Amino acid sequence: MYIIDDKHYPCCTTVTMRFIGGKWKAVILYYLIEGPKRYNELRKFMPTITERTLSLQLKQLEEDNIINRKVYTKKPPLMVEYTLTEFGETLIPMLKEIARWGIEAVEKSKKVKEEIS
């Protein structure tokens, strides 16, 4: 049993999913691997995500110390930039492996479709 913030998790996988689970968190983090991104850049990478969902996911990732949110106020318009924290950077190998697995899954799926046709 694992406990974080008085919540109980039955195994270490559920702890990981608490931080990056859901449809969008891992995707957001994947795009931040390459470096800082503005809110609108992230929206362009994920055109089907709603503004509300993106905002909520970014807020949760920031609260979990996985990403940093930096606000630039010196010149209008206001600019907000997101980056991985040092803790967030520890997810990079796993995120890259998930992406590699996804590519393999697409390739295998193509082969299965070709065999069926």
PDB file of N, CA and C in Angstrom:
ATOM      1  N   MET A   1       0.848  -1.178   0.000  1.00  0.00           N
ATOM      2  CA  MET A   1       0.000   0.000   0.000  1.00  0.00           C
ATOM      3  C   MET A   1       0.897   1.246   0.000  1.00  0.00           C
ATOM      4  N   TYR A   2       0.548   2.207  -0.835  1.00  0.00           N
ATOM      5  CA  TYR A   2       1.293   3.454  -0.927  1.00  0.00           C
ATOM      6  C   TYR A   2       0.363   4.603  -0.548  1.00  0.00           C
ATOM      7  N   ILE A   3       0.894   5.606   0.134  1.00  0.00           N
ATOM      8  CA  ILE A   3       0.077   6.733   0.572  1.00  0.00           C
ATOM      9  C   ILE A   3       0.716   8.035   0.117  1.00  0.00           C
ATOM     10  N   ILE A   4      -0.085   8.882  -0.554  1.00  0.00           N
ATOM     11  CA  ILE A   4       0.330  10.233  -0.945  1.00  0.00           C
ATOM     12  C   ILE A   4      -0.822  11.159  -0.586  1.00  0.00           C
ATOM     13  N   ASP A   5      -0.506  12.212   0.161  1.00  0.00           N
ATOM     14  CA  ASP A   5      -1.529  13.190   0.564  1.00  0.00           C
ATOM     15  C   ASP A   5      -2.750  12.511   1.177  1.00  0.00           C
ATOM     16  N   ASP A   6      -2.505  11.559   2.061  1.00  0.00           N
ATOM     17  CA  ASP A   6      -3.565  10.819   2.761  1.00  0.00           C
ATOM     18  C   ASP A   6      -4.440   9.962   1.854  1.00  0.00           C
ATOM     19  N   LYS A   7      -4.046   9.783   0.590  1.00  0.00           N
ATOM     20  CA  LYS A   7      -4.781   8.889  -0.306  1.00  0.00           C
ATOM     21  C   LYS A   7      -4.003   7.590  -0.420  1.00  0.00           C
ATOM     22  N   HIS A   8      -4.730   6.491  -0.413  1.00  0.00           N
ATOM     23  CA  HIS A   8      -4.112   5.166  -0.466  1.00  0.00           C
ATOM     24  C   HIS A   8      -4.128   4.630  -1.889  1.00  0.00           C
ATOM     25  N   TYR A   9      -2.996   4.070  -2.305  1.00  0.00           N
ATOM     26  CA  TYR A   9      -2.853   3.486  -3.638  1.00  0.00           C
ATOM     27  C   TYR A   9      -2.405   2.035  -3.473  1.00  0.00           C
ATOM     28  N   PRO A  10      -3.090   1.101  -4.148  1.00  0.00           N
ATOM     29  CA  PRO A  10      -2.803  -0.314  -3.941  1.00  0.00           C
ATOM     30  C   PRO A  10      -1.462  -0.792  -4.499  1.00  0.00           C
ATOM     31  N   CYS A  11      -0.921  -0.075  -5.503  1.00  0.00           N
ATOM     32  CA  CYS A  11       0.364  -0.502  -6.066  1.00  0.00           C
ATOM     33  C   CYS A  11       1.097   0.699  -6.664  1.00  0.00           C
ATOM     34  N   CYS A  12       2.354   0.493  -7.018  1.00  0.00           N
ATOM     35  CA  CYS A  12       3.167   1.588  -7.544  1.00  0.00           C
ATOM     36  C   CYS A  12       2.659   2.084  -8.904  1.00  0.00           C
ATOM     37  N   THR A  13       2.014   1.235  -9.672  1.00  0.00           N
ATOM     38  CA  THR A  13       1.461   1.669 -10.959  1.00  0.00           C
ATOM     39  C   THR A  13       0.345   2.685 -10.751  1.00  0.00           C
ATOM     40  N   THR A  14      -0.473   2.476  -9.734  1.00  0.00           N
ATOM     41  CA  THR A  14      -1.543   3.449  -9.480  1.00  0.00           C
ATOM     42  C   THR A  14      -0.971   4.785  -9.019  1.00  0.00           C
ATOM     43  N   VAL A  15       0.175   4.760  -8.369  1.00  0.00           N
ATOM     44  CA  VAL A  15       0.840   6.013  -7.985  1.00  0.00           C
ATOM     45  C   VAL A  15       1.271   6.758  -9.246  1.00  0.00           C
ATOM     46  N   THR A  16       1.889   6.055 -10.168  1.00  0.00           N
ATOM     47  CA  THR A  16       2.319   6.675 -11.419  1.00  0.00           C
ATOM     48  C   THR A  16       1.135   7.251 -12.169  1.00  0.00           C
ATOM     49  N   MET A  17       0.064   6.480 -12.256  1.00  0.00           N
ATOM     50  CA  MET A  17      -1.117   6.943 -12.981  1.00  0.00           C
ATOM     51  C   MET A  17      -1.788   8.122 -12.289  1.00  0.00           C
ATOM     52  N   ARG A  18      -1.627   8.233 -10.980  1.00  0.00           N
ATOM     53  CA  ARG A  18      -2.150   9.398 -10.264  1.00  0.00           C
ATOM     54  C   ARG A  18      -1.516  10.673 -10.799  1.00  0.00           C
ATOM     55  N   PHE A  19      -0.236  10.587 -11.173  1.00  0.00           N
ATOM     56  CA  PHE A  19       0.476  11.764 -11.679  1.00  0.00           C
ATOM     57  C   PHE A  19       0.265  12.003 -13.172  1.00  0.00           C
ATOM     58  N   ILE A  20       0.253  10.936 -13.973  1.00  0.00           N
ATOM     59  CA  ILE A  20       0.225  11.147 -15.428  1.00  0.00           C
ATOM     60  C   ILE A  20      -0.945  10.468 -16.125  1.00  0.00           C
ATOM     61  N   GLY A  21      -1.875   9.929 -15.355  1.00  0.00           N
ATOM     62  CA  GLY A  21      -3.001   9.214 -15.939  1.00  0.00           C
ATOM     63  C   GLY A  21      -3.978  10.139 -16.647  1.00  0.00           C
ATOM     64  N   GLY A  22      -4.866   9.532 -17.379  1.00  0.00           N
ATOM     65  CA  GLY A  22      -5.854  10.285 -18.132  1.00  0.00           C
ATOM     66  C   GLY A  22      -5.452  10.416 -19.581  1.00  0.00           C
ATOM     67  N   LYS A  23      -6.306  11.045 -20.333  1.00  0.00           N
ATOM     68  CA  LYS A  23      -6.112  11.130 -21.776  1.00  0.00           C
ATOM     69  C   LYS A  23      -5.016  12.116 -22.188  1.00  0.00           C
ATOM     70  N   TRP A  24      -4.773  13.167 -21.404  1.00  0.00           N
ATOM     71  CA  TRP A  24      -3.949  14.261 -21.896  1.00  0.00           C
ATOM     72  C   TRP A  24      -2.633  14.516 -21.179  1.00  0.00           C
ATOM     73  N   LYS A  25      -2.488  14.120 -19.931  1.00  0.00           N
ATOM     74  CA  LYS A  25      -1.288  14.498 -19.185  1.00  0.00           C
ATOM     75  C   LYS A  25      -0.006  13.996 -19.846  1.00  0.00           C
ATOM     76  N   ALA A  26       0.032  12.741 -20.218  1.00  0.00           N
ATOM     77  CA  ALA A  26       1.246  12.200 -20.846  1.00  0.00           C
ATOM     78  C   ALA A  26       1.514  12.884 -22.175  1.00  0.00           C
ATOM     79  N   VAL A  27       0.464  13.252 -22.897  1.00  0.00           N
ATOM     80  CA  VAL A  27       0.623  13.943 -24.182  1.00  0.00           C
ATOM     81  C   VAL A  27       1.232  15.327 -23.953  1.00  0.00           C
ATOM     82  N   ILE A  28       0.715  16.048 -22.981  1.00  0.00           N
ATOM     83  CA  ILE A  28       1.258  17.366 -22.638  1.00  0.00           C
ATOM     84  C   ILE A  28       2.739  17.236 -22.289  1.00  0.00           C
ATOM     85  N   LEU A  29       3.048  16.278 -21.438  1.00  0.00           N
ATOM     86  CA  LEU A  29       4.436  16.081 -21.014  1.00  0.00           C
ATOM     87  C   LEU A  29       5.323  15.699 -22.187  1.00  0.00           C
ATOM     88  N   TYR A  30       4.812  14.880 -23.088  1.00  0.00           N
ATOM     89  CA  TYR A  30       5.595  14.488 -24.260  1.00  0.00           C
ATOM     90  C   TYR A  30       6.005  15.721 -25.076  1.00  0.00           C
ATOM     91  N   TYR A  31       5.088  16.648 -25.263  1.00  0.00           N
ATOM     92  CA  TYR A  31       5.410  17.850 -26.034  1.00  0.00           C
ATOM     93  C   TYR A  31       6.365  18.776 -25.290  1.00  0.00           C
ATOM     94  N   LEU A  32       6.412  18.685 -23.982  1.00  0.00           N
ATOM     95  CA  LEU A  32       7.334  19.521 -23.212  1.00  0.00           C
ATOM     96  C   LEU A  32       8.753  18.954 -23.159  1.00  0.00           C
ATOM     97  N   ILE A  33       8.932  17.716 -23.620  1.00  0.00           N
ATOM     98  CA  ILE A  33      10.277  17.123 -23.641  1.00  0.00           C
ATOM     99  C   ILE A  33      11.230  17.996 -24.457  1.00  0.00           C
ATOM    100  N   GLU A  34      10.753  18.504 -25.576  1.00  0.00           N
ATOM    101  CA  GLU A  34      11.594  19.288 -26.485  1.00  0.00           C
ATOM    102  C   GLU A  34      11.934  20.675 -25.959  1.00  0.00           C
ATOM    103  N   GLY A  35      11.266  21.104 -24.888  1.00  0.00           N
ATOM    104  CA  GLY A  35      11.565  22.416 -24.319  1.00  0.00           C
ATOM    105  C   GLY A  35      10.309  23.203 -24.014  1.00  0.00           C
ATOM    106  N   PRO A  36      10.476  24.452 -23.599  1.00  0.00           N
ATOM    107  CA  PRO A  36       9.344  25.278 -23.182  1.00  0.00           C
ATOM    108  C   PRO A  36       8.294  25.430 -24.281  1.00  0.00           C
ATOM    109  N   LYS A  37       7.041  25.433 -23.849  1.00  0.00           N
ATOM    110  CA  LYS A  37       5.921  25.638 -24.778  1.00  0.00           C
ATOM    111  C   LYS A  37       4.952  26.626 -24.150  1.00  0.00           C
ATOM    112  N   ARG A  38       4.377  27.460 -24.999  1.00  0.00           N
ATOM    113  CA  ARG A  38       3.316  28.353 -24.557  1.00  0.00           C
ATOM    114  C   ARG A  38       1.984  27.609 -24.628  1.00  0.00           C
ATOM    115  N   TYR A  39       1.007  28.136 -23.935  1.00  0.00           N
ATOM    116  CA  TYR A  39      -0.324  27.529 -23.885  1.00  0.00           C
ATOM    117  C   TYR A  39      -0.864  27.292 -25.292  1.00  0.00           C
ATOM    118  N   ASN A  40      -0.792  28.312 -26.149  1.00  0.00           N
ATOM    119  CA  ASN A  40      -1.332  28.182 -27.507  1.00  0.00           C
ATOM    120  C   ASN A  40      -0.561  27.174 -28.354  1.00  0.00           C
ATOM    121  N   GLU A  41       0.723  27.029 -28.096  1.00  0.00           N
ATOM    122  CA  GLU A  41       1.494  26.000 -28.806  1.00  0.00           C
ATOM    123  C   GLU A  41       0.961  24.613 -28.441  1.00  0.00           C
ATOM    124  N   LEU A  42       0.725  24.407 -27.150  1.00  0.00           N
ATOM    125  CA  LEU A  42       0.187  23.118 -26.714  1.00  0.00           C
ATOM    126  C   LEU A  42      -1.177  22.868 -27.339  1.00  0.00           C
ATOM    127  N   ARG A  43      -1.996  23.888 -27.414  1.00  0.00           N
ATOM    128  CA  ARG A  43      -3.329  23.752 -28.046  1.00  0.00           C
ATOM    129  C   ARG A  43      -3.199  23.321 -29.506  1.00  0.00           C
ATOM    130  N   LYS A  44      -2.218  23.877 -30.223  1.00  0.00           N
ATOM    131  CA  LYS A  44      -2.029  23.517 -31.630  1.00  0.00           C
ATOM    132  C   LYS A  44      -1.611  22.058 -31.783  1.00  0.00           C
ATOM    133  N   PHE A  45      -0.789  21.568 -30.839  1.00  0.00           N
ATOM    134  CA  PHE A  45      -0.364  20.172 -30.889  1.00  0.00           C
ATOM    135  C   PHE A  45      -1.521  19.221 -30.602  1.00  0.00           C
ATOM    136  N   MET A  46      -2.503  19.698 -29.838  1.00  0.00           N
ATOM    137  CA  MET A  46      -3.629  18.861 -29.409  1.00  0.00           C
ATOM    138  C   MET A  46      -4.939  19.568 -29.759  1.00  0.00           C
ATOM    139  N   PRO A  47      -5.286  19.620 -31.031  1.00  0.00           N
ATOM    140  CA  PRO A  47      -6.450  20.413 -31.440  1.00  0.00           C
ATOM    141  C   PRO A  47      -7.790  19.929 -30.891  1.00  0.00           C
ATOM    142  N   THR A  48      -7.875  18.692 -30.432  1.00  0.00           N
ATOM    143  CA  THR A  48      -9.162  18.195 -29.930  1.00  0.00           C
ATOM    144  C   THR A  48      -9.344  18.397 -28.429  1.00  0.00           C
ATOM    145  N   ILE A  49      -8.316  18.881 -27.744  1.00  0.00           N
ATOM    146  CA  ILE A  49      -8.459  19.129 -26.306  1.00  0.00           C
ATOM    147  C   ILE A  49      -9.203  20.452 -26.110  1.00  0.00           C
ATOM    148  N   THR A  50     -10.083  20.497 -25.125  1.00  0.00           N
ATOM    149  CA  THR A  50     -10.795  21.750 -24.851  1.00  0.00           C
ATOM    150  C   THR A  50      -9.885  22.666 -24.028  1.00  0.00           C
ATOM    151  N   GLU A  51     -10.155  23.953 -24.090  1.00  0.00           N
ATOM    152  CA  GLU A  51      -9.367  24.914 -23.310  1.00  0.00           C
ATOM    153  C   GLU A  51      -9.471  24.614 -21.819  1.00  0.00           C
ATOM    154  N   ARG A  52     -10.667  24.278 -21.372  1.00  0.00           N
ATOM    155  CA  ARG A  52     -10.881  23.983 -19.957  1.00  0.00           C
ATOM    156  C   ARG A  52     -10.052  22.777 -19.528  1.00  0.00           C
ATOM    157  N   THR A  53     -10.080  21.723 -20.334  1.00  0.00           N
ATOM    158  CA  THR A  53      -9.333  20.515 -19.996  1.00  0.00           C
ATOM    159  C   THR A  53      -7.841  20.787 -19.977  1.00  0.00           C
ATOM    160  N   LEU A  54      -7.340  21.498 -20.979  1.00  0.00           N
ATOM    161  CA  LEU A  54      -5.908  21.814 -21.006  1.00  0.00           C
ATOM    162  C   LEU A  54      -5.530  22.622 -19.772  1.00  0.00           C
ATOM    163  N   SER A  55      -6.314  23.613 -19.438  1.00  0.00           N
ATOM    164  CA  SER A  55      -6.028  24.438 -18.262  1.00  0.00           C
ATOM    165  C   SER A  55      -6.007  23.595 -16.985  1.00  0.00           C
ATOM    166  N   LEU A  56      -6.989  22.719 -16.832  1.00  0.00           N
ATOM    167  CA  LEU A  56      -7.052  21.868 -15.637  1.00  0.00           C
ATOM    168  C   LEU A  56      -5.867  20.906 -15.559  1.00  0.00           C
ATOM    169  N   GLN A  57      -5.521  20.303 -16.695  1.00  0.00           N
ATOM    170  CA  GLN A  57      -4.406  19.356 -16.705  1.00  0.00           C
ATOM    171  C   GLN A  57      -3.092  20.060 -16.391  1.00  0.00           C
ATOM    172  N   LEU A  58      -2.890  21.248 -16.968  1.00  0.00           N
ATOM    173  CA  LEU A  58      -1.678  22.017 -16.690  1.00  0.00           C
ATOM    174  C   LEU A  58      -1.613  22.395 -15.212  1.00  0.00           C
ATOM    175  N   LYS A  59      -2.729  22.791 -14.648  1.00  0.00           N
ATOM    176  CA  LYS A  59      -2.777  23.169 -13.240  1.00  0.00           C
ATOM    177  C   LYS A  59      -2.428  21.979 -12.353  1.00  0.00           C
ATOM    178  N   GLN A  60      -2.992  20.798 -12.665  1.00  0.00           N
ATOM    179  CA  GLN A  60      -2.702  19.598 -11.876  1.00  0.00           C
ATOM    180  C   GLN A  60      -1.232  19.215 -11.980  1.00  0.00           C
ATOM    181  N   LEU A  61      -0.679  19.281 -13.191  1.00  0.00           N
ATOM    182  CA  LEU A  61       0.734  18.946 -13.374  1.00  0.00           C
ATOM    183  C   LEU A  61       1.626  19.919 -12.623  1.00  0.00           C
ATOM    184  N   GLU A  62       1.237  21.182 -12.598  1.00  0.00           N
ATOM    185  CA  GLU A  62       1.999  22.184 -11.850  1.00  0.00           C
ATOM    186  C   GLU A  62       1.901  21.916 -10.341  1.00  0.00           C
ATOM    187  N   GLU A  63       0.706  21.621  -9.852  1.00  0.00           N
ATOM    188  CA  GLU A  63       0.510  21.324  -8.429  1.00  0.00           C
ATOM    189  C   GLU A  63       1.303  20.100  -8.000  1.00  0.00           C
ATOM    190  N   ASP A  64       1.492  19.149  -8.915  1.00  0.00           N
ATOM    191  CA  ASP A  64       2.254  17.935  -8.619  1.00  0.00           C
ATOM    192  C   ASP A  64       3.753  18.115  -8.836  1.00  0.00           C
ATOM    193  N   ASN A  65       4.170  19.358  -9.122  1.00  0.00           N
ATOM    194  CA  ASN A  65       5.588  19.687  -9.322  1.00  0.00           C
ATOM    195  C   ASN A  65       6.209  18.938 -10.510  1.00  0.00           C
ATOM    196  N   ILE A  66       5.413  18.671 -11.518  1.00  0.00           N
ATOM    197  CA  ILE A  66       5.916  18.000 -12.714  1.00  0.00           C
ATOM    198  C   ILE A  66       6.250  19.028 -13.795  1.00  0.00           C
ATOM    199  N   ILE A  67       5.521  20.136 -13.813  1.00  0.00           N
ATOM    200  CA  ILE A  67       5.831  21.223 -14.742  1.00  0.00           C
ATOM    201  C   ILE A  67       5.934  22.547 -13.991  1.00  0.00           C
ATOM    202  N   ASN A  68       6.660  23.474 -14.608  1.00  0.00           N
ATOM    203  CA  ASN A  68       6.750  24.854 -14.128  1.00  0.00           C
ATOM    204  C   ASN A  68       5.895  25.727 -15.027  1.00  0.00           C
ATOM    205  N   ARG A  69       5.285  26.715 -14.440  1.00  0.00           N
ATOM    206  CA  ARG A  69       4.529  27.728 -15.181  1.00  0.00           C
ATOM    207  C   ARG A  69       5.218  29.056 -14.929  1.00  0.00           C
ATOM    208  N   LYS A  70       5.721  29.659 -16.002  1.00  0.00           N
ATOM    209  CA  LYS A  70       6.413  30.941 -15.868  1.00  0.00           C
ATOM    210  C   LYS A  70       5.623  32.001 -16.620  1.00  0.00           C
ATOM    211  N   VAL A  71       5.319  33.090 -15.920  1.00  0.00           N
ATOM    212  CA  VAL A  71       4.561  34.187 -16.502  1.00  0.00           C
ATOM    213  C   VAL A  71       5.521  35.326 -16.803  1.00  0.00           C
ATOM    214  N   TYR A  72       5.505  35.784 -18.055  1.00  0.00           N
ATOM    215  CA  TYR A  72       6.304  36.930 -18.475  1.00  0.00           C
ATOM    216  C   TYR A  72       5.377  38.140 -18.549  1.00  0.00           C
ATOM    217  N   THR A  73       5.661  39.144 -17.735  1.00  0.00           N
ATOM    218  CA  THR A  73       4.778  40.315 -17.682  1.00  0.00           C
ATOM    219  C   THR A  73       5.445  41.580 -18.202  1.00  0.00           C
ATOM    220  N   LYS A  74       6.688  41.516 -18.620  1.00  0.00           N
ATOM    221  CA  LYS A  74       7.408  42.722 -19.025  1.00  0.00           C
ATOM    222  C   LYS A  74       6.812  43.403 -20.234  1.00  0.00           C
ATOM    223  N   LYS A  75       6.398  42.626 -21.218  1.00  0.00           N
ATOM    224  CA  LYS A  75       5.802  43.295 -22.367  1.00  0.00           C
ATOM    225  C   LYS A  75       4.458  42.664 -22.706  1.00  0.00           C
ATOM    226  N   PRO A  76       3.517  43.513 -23.010  1.00  0.00           N
ATOM    227  CA  PRO A  76       2.214  42.983 -23.414  1.00  0.00           C
ATOM    228  C   PRO A  76       2.322  42.336 -24.780  1.00  0.00           C
ATOM    229  N   PRO A  77       1.551  41.346 -25.110  1.00  0.00           N
ATOM    230  CA  PRO A  77       0.600  40.702 -24.205  1.00  0.00           C
ATOM    231  C   PRO A  77       1.307  39.766 -23.239  1.00  0.00           C
ATOM    232  N   LEU A  78       0.640  39.470 -22.159  1.00  0.00           N
ATOM    233  CA  LEU A  78       1.132  38.558 -21.142  1.00  0.00           C
ATOM    234  C   LEU A  78       1.475  37.218 -21.791  1.00  0.00           C
ATOM    235  N   MET A  79       2.609  36.641 -21.432  1.00  0.00           N
ATOM    236  CA  MET A  79       3.001  35.360 -22.006  1.00  0.00           C
ATOM    237  C   MET A  79       3.241  34.361 -20.878  1.00  0.00           C
ATOM    238  N   VAL A  80       2.701  33.161 -21.034  1.00  0.00           N
ATOM    239  CA  VAL A  80       2.891  32.091 -20.062  1.00  0.00           C
ATOM    240  C   VAL A  80       3.584  30.943 -20.774  1.00  0.00           C
ATOM    241  N   GLU A  81       4.604  30.400 -20.119  1.00  0.00           N
ATOM    242  CA  GLU A  81       5.390  29.326 -20.713  1.00  0.00           C
ATOM    243  C   GLU A  81       5.462  28.163 -19.721  1.00  0.00           C
ATOM    244  N   TYR A  82       5.397  26.955 -20.263  1.00  0.00           N
ATOM    245  CA  TYR A  82       5.440  25.746 -19.433  1.00  0.00           C
ATOM    246  C   TYR A  82       6.693  24.947 -19.762  1.00  0.00           C
ATOM    247  N   THR A  83       7.328  24.421 -18.721  1.00  0.00           N
ATOM    248  CA  THR A  83       8.507  23.572 -18.874  1.00  0.00           C
ATOM    249  C   THR A  83       8.417  22.420 -17.879  1.00  0.00           C
ATOM    250  N   LEU A  84       9.175  21.387 -18.140  1.00  0.00           N
ATOM    251  CA  LEU A  84       9.270  20.288 -17.185  1.00  0.00           C
ATOM    252  C   LEU A  84      10.142  20.717 -16.011  1.00  0.00           C
ATOM    253  N   THR A  85       9.766  20.304 -14.815  1.00  0.00           N
ATOM    254  CA  THR A  85      10.626  20.498 -13.649  1.00  0.00           C
ATOM    255  C   THR A  85      11.691  19.401 -13.670  1.00  0.00           C
ATOM    256  N   GLU A  86      12.599  19.466 -12.733  1.00  0.00           N
ATOM    257  CA  GLU A  86      13.599  18.406 -12.607  1.00  0.00           C
ATOM    258  C   GLU A  86      12.896  17.074 -12.324  1.00  0.00           C
ATOM    259  N   PHE A  87      11.875  17.109 -11.480  1.00  0.00           N
ATOM    260  CA  PHE A  87      11.071  15.915 -11.186  1.00  0.00           C
ATOM    261  C   PHE A  87      10.360  15.442 -12.448  1.00  0.00           C
ATOM    262  N   GLY A  88       9.805  16.369 -13.220  1.00  0.00           N
ATOM    263  CA  GLY A  88       9.126  16.029 -14.471  1.00  0.00           C
ATOM    264  C   GLY A  88      10.070  15.411 -15.489  1.00  0.00           C
ATOM    265  N   GLU A  89      11.309  15.870 -15.497  1.00  0.00           N
ATOM    266  CA  GLU A  89      12.297  15.331 -16.444  1.00  0.00           C
ATOM    267  C   GLU A  89      12.589  13.860 -16.186  1.00  0.00           C
ATOM    268  N   THR A  90      12.347  13.393 -14.960  1.00  0.00           N
ATOM    269  CA  THR A  90      12.568  11.969 -14.679  1.00  0.00           C
ATOM    270  C   THR A  90      11.579  11.088 -15.436  1.00  0.00           C
ATOM    271  N   LEU A  91      10.510  11.693 -15.961  1.00  0.00           N
ATOM    272  CA  LEU A  91       9.522  10.940 -16.745  1.00  0.00           C
ATOM    273  C   LEU A  91       9.926  10.771 -18.215  1.00  0.00           C
ATOM    274  N   ILE A  92      10.924  11.505 -18.667  1.00  0.00           N
ATOM    275  CA  ILE A  92      11.286  11.502 -20.090  1.00  0.00           C
ATOM    276  C   ILE A  92      11.546  10.103 -20.642  1.00  0.00           C
ATOM    277  N   PRO A  93      12.387   9.274 -20.000  1.00  0.00           N
ATOM    278  CA  PRO A  93      12.612   7.931 -20.577  1.00  0.00           C
ATOM    279  C   PRO A  93      11.311   7.134 -20.731  1.00  0.00           C
ATOM    280  N   MET A  94      10.434   7.224 -19.743  1.00  0.00           N
ATOM    281  CA  MET A  94       9.176   6.490 -19.814  1.00  0.00           C
ATOM    282  C   MET A  94       8.290   7.049 -20.928  1.00  0.00           C
ATOM    283  N   LEU A  95       8.211   8.374 -21.052  1.00  0.00           N
ATOM    284  CA  LEU A  95       7.381   8.987 -22.100  1.00  0.00           C
ATOM    285  C   LEU A  95       7.890   8.611 -23.488  1.00  0.00           C
ATOM    286  N   LYS A  96       9.210   8.597 -23.657  1.00  0.00           N
ATOM    287  CA  LYS A  96       9.779   8.199 -24.954  1.00  0.00           C
ATOM    288  C   LYS A  96       9.492   6.740 -25.250  1.00  0.00           C
ATOM    289  N   GLU A  97       9.521   5.906 -24.230  1.00  0.00           N
ATOM    290  CA  GLU A  97       9.223   4.477 -24.420  1.00  0.00           C
ATOM    291  C   GLU A  97       7.755   4.288 -24.770  1.00  0.00           C
ATOM    292  N   ILE A  98       6.867   5.037 -24.140  1.00  0.00           N
ATOM    293  CA  ILE A  98       5.444   4.975 -24.476  1.00  0.00           C
ATOM    294  C   ILE A  98       5.245   5.378 -25.935  1.00  0.00           C
ATOM    295  N   ALA A  99       5.926   6.428 -26.369  1.00  0.00           N
ATOM    296  CA  ALA A  99       5.816   6.875 -27.758  1.00  0.00           C
ATOM    297  C   ALA A  99       6.352   5.811 -28.725  1.00  0.00           C
ATOM    298  N   ARG A 100       7.488   5.200 -28.378  1.00  0.00           N
ATOM    299  CA  ARG A 100       8.057   4.141 -29.222  1.00  0.00           C
ATOM    300  C   ARG A 100       7.087   2.974 -29.332  1.00  0.00           C
ATOM    301  N   TRP A 101       6.483   2.600 -28.203  1.00  0.00           N
ATOM    302  CA  TRP A 101       5.523   1.510 -28.206  1.00  0.00           C
ATOM    303  C   TRP A 101       4.324   1.859 -29.079  1.00  0.00           C
ATOM    304  N   GLY A 102       3.875   3.096 -29.031  1.00  0.00           N
ATOM    305  CA  GLY A 102       2.756   3.535 -29.860  1.00  0.00           C
ATOM    306  C   GLY A 102       3.063   3.402 -31.346  1.00  0.00           C
ATOM    307  N   ILE A 103       4.276   3.763 -31.730  1.00  0.00           N
ATOM    308  CA  ILE A 103       4.689   3.630 -33.132  1.00  0.00           C
ATOM    309  C   ILE A 103       4.659   2.155 -33.548  1.00  0.00           C
ATOM    310  N   GLU A 104       5.183   1.289 -32.688  1.00  0.00           N
ATOM    311  CA  GLU A 104       5.160  -0.149 -32.982  1.00  0.00           C
ATOM    312  C   GLU A 104       3.727  -0.666 -33.087  1.00  0.00           C
ATOM    313  N   ALA A 105       2.859  -0.189 -32.212  1.00  0.00           N
ATOM    314  CA  ALA A 105       1.461  -0.626 -32.237  1.00  0.00           C
ATOM    315  C   ALA A 105       0.794  -0.221 -33.541  1.00  0.00           C
ATOM    316  N   VAL A 106       1.094   0.973 -34.034  1.00  0.00           N
ATOM    317  CA  VAL A 106       0.533   1.428 -35.309  1.00  0.00           C
ATOM    318  C   VAL A 106       1.030   0.530 -36.435  1.00  0.00           C
ATOM    319  N   GLU A 107       2.319   0.228 -36.426  1.00  0.00           N
ATOM    320  CA  GLU A 107       2.885  -0.636 -37.468  1.00  0.00           C
ATOM    321  C   GLU A 107       2.264  -2.028 -37.432  1.00  0.00           C
ATOM    322  N   LYS A 108       2.126  -2.610 -36.255  1.00  0.00           N
ATOM    323  CA  LYS A 108       1.514  -3.936 -36.138  1.00  0.00           C
ATOM    324  C   LYS A 108       0.047  -3.893 -36.564  1.00  0.00           C
ATOM    325  N   SER A 109      -0.630  -2.817 -36.247  1.00  0.00           N
ATOM    326  CA  SER A 109      -2.021  -2.663 -36.631  1.00  0.00           C
ATOM    327  C   SER A 109      -2.144  -2.622 -38.146  1.00  0.00           C
ATOM    328  N   LYS A 110      -1.221  -1.944 -38.805  1.00  0.00           N
ATOM    329  CA  LYS A 110      -1.237  -1.891 -40.281  1.00  0.00           C
ATOM    330  C   LYS A 110      -1.050  -3.295 -40.849  1.00  0.00           C
ATOM    331  N   LYS A 111      -0.139  -4.046 -40.273  1.00  0.00           N
ATOM    332  CA  LYS A 111       0.121  -5.399 -40.757  1.00  0.00           C
ATOM    333  C   LYS A 111      -1.103  -6.289 -40.558  1.00  0.00           C
ATOM    334  N   VAL A 112      -1.775  -6.160 -39.436  1.00  0.00           N
ATOM    335  CA  VAL A 112      -2.981  -6.954 -39.186  1.00  0.00           C
ATOM    336  C   VAL A 112      -4.045  -6.598 -40.188  1.00  0.00           C
ATOM    337  N   LYS A 113      -4.229  -5.318 -40.480  1.00  0.00           N
ATOM    338  CA  LYS A 113      -5.239  -4.894 -41.458  1.00  0.00           C
ATOM    339  C   LYS A 113      -4.909  -5.422 -42.853  1.00  0.00           C
ATOM    340  N   GLU A 114      -3.613  -5.422 -43.216  1.00  0.00           N
ATOM    341  CA  GLU A 114      -3.206  -5.927 -44.526  1.00  0.00           C
ATOM    342  C   GLU A 114      -3.498  -7.422 -44.627  1.00  0.00           C
ATOM    343  N   GLU A 115      -3.242  -8.174 -43.545  1.00  0.00           N
ATOM    344  CA  GLU A 115      -3.495  -9.614 -43.546  1.00  0.00           C
ATOM    345  C   GLU A 115      -4.979  -9.913 -43.658  1.00  0.00           C
ATOM    346  N   ILE A 116      -5.818  -9.102 -43.038  1.00  0.00           N
ATOM    347  CA  ILE A 116      -7.261  -9.310 -43.067  1.00  0.00           C
ATOM    348  C   ILE A 116      -7.826  -8.990 -44.457  1.00  0.00           C
ATOM    349  N   SER A 117      -7.269  -7.985 -45.097  1.00  0.00           N
ATOM    350  CA  SER A 117      -7.804  -7.543 -46.402  1.00  0.00           C
ATOM    351  C   SER A 117      -7.663  -8.574 -47.491  1.00  0.00           C
TER     352      SER A 117
END
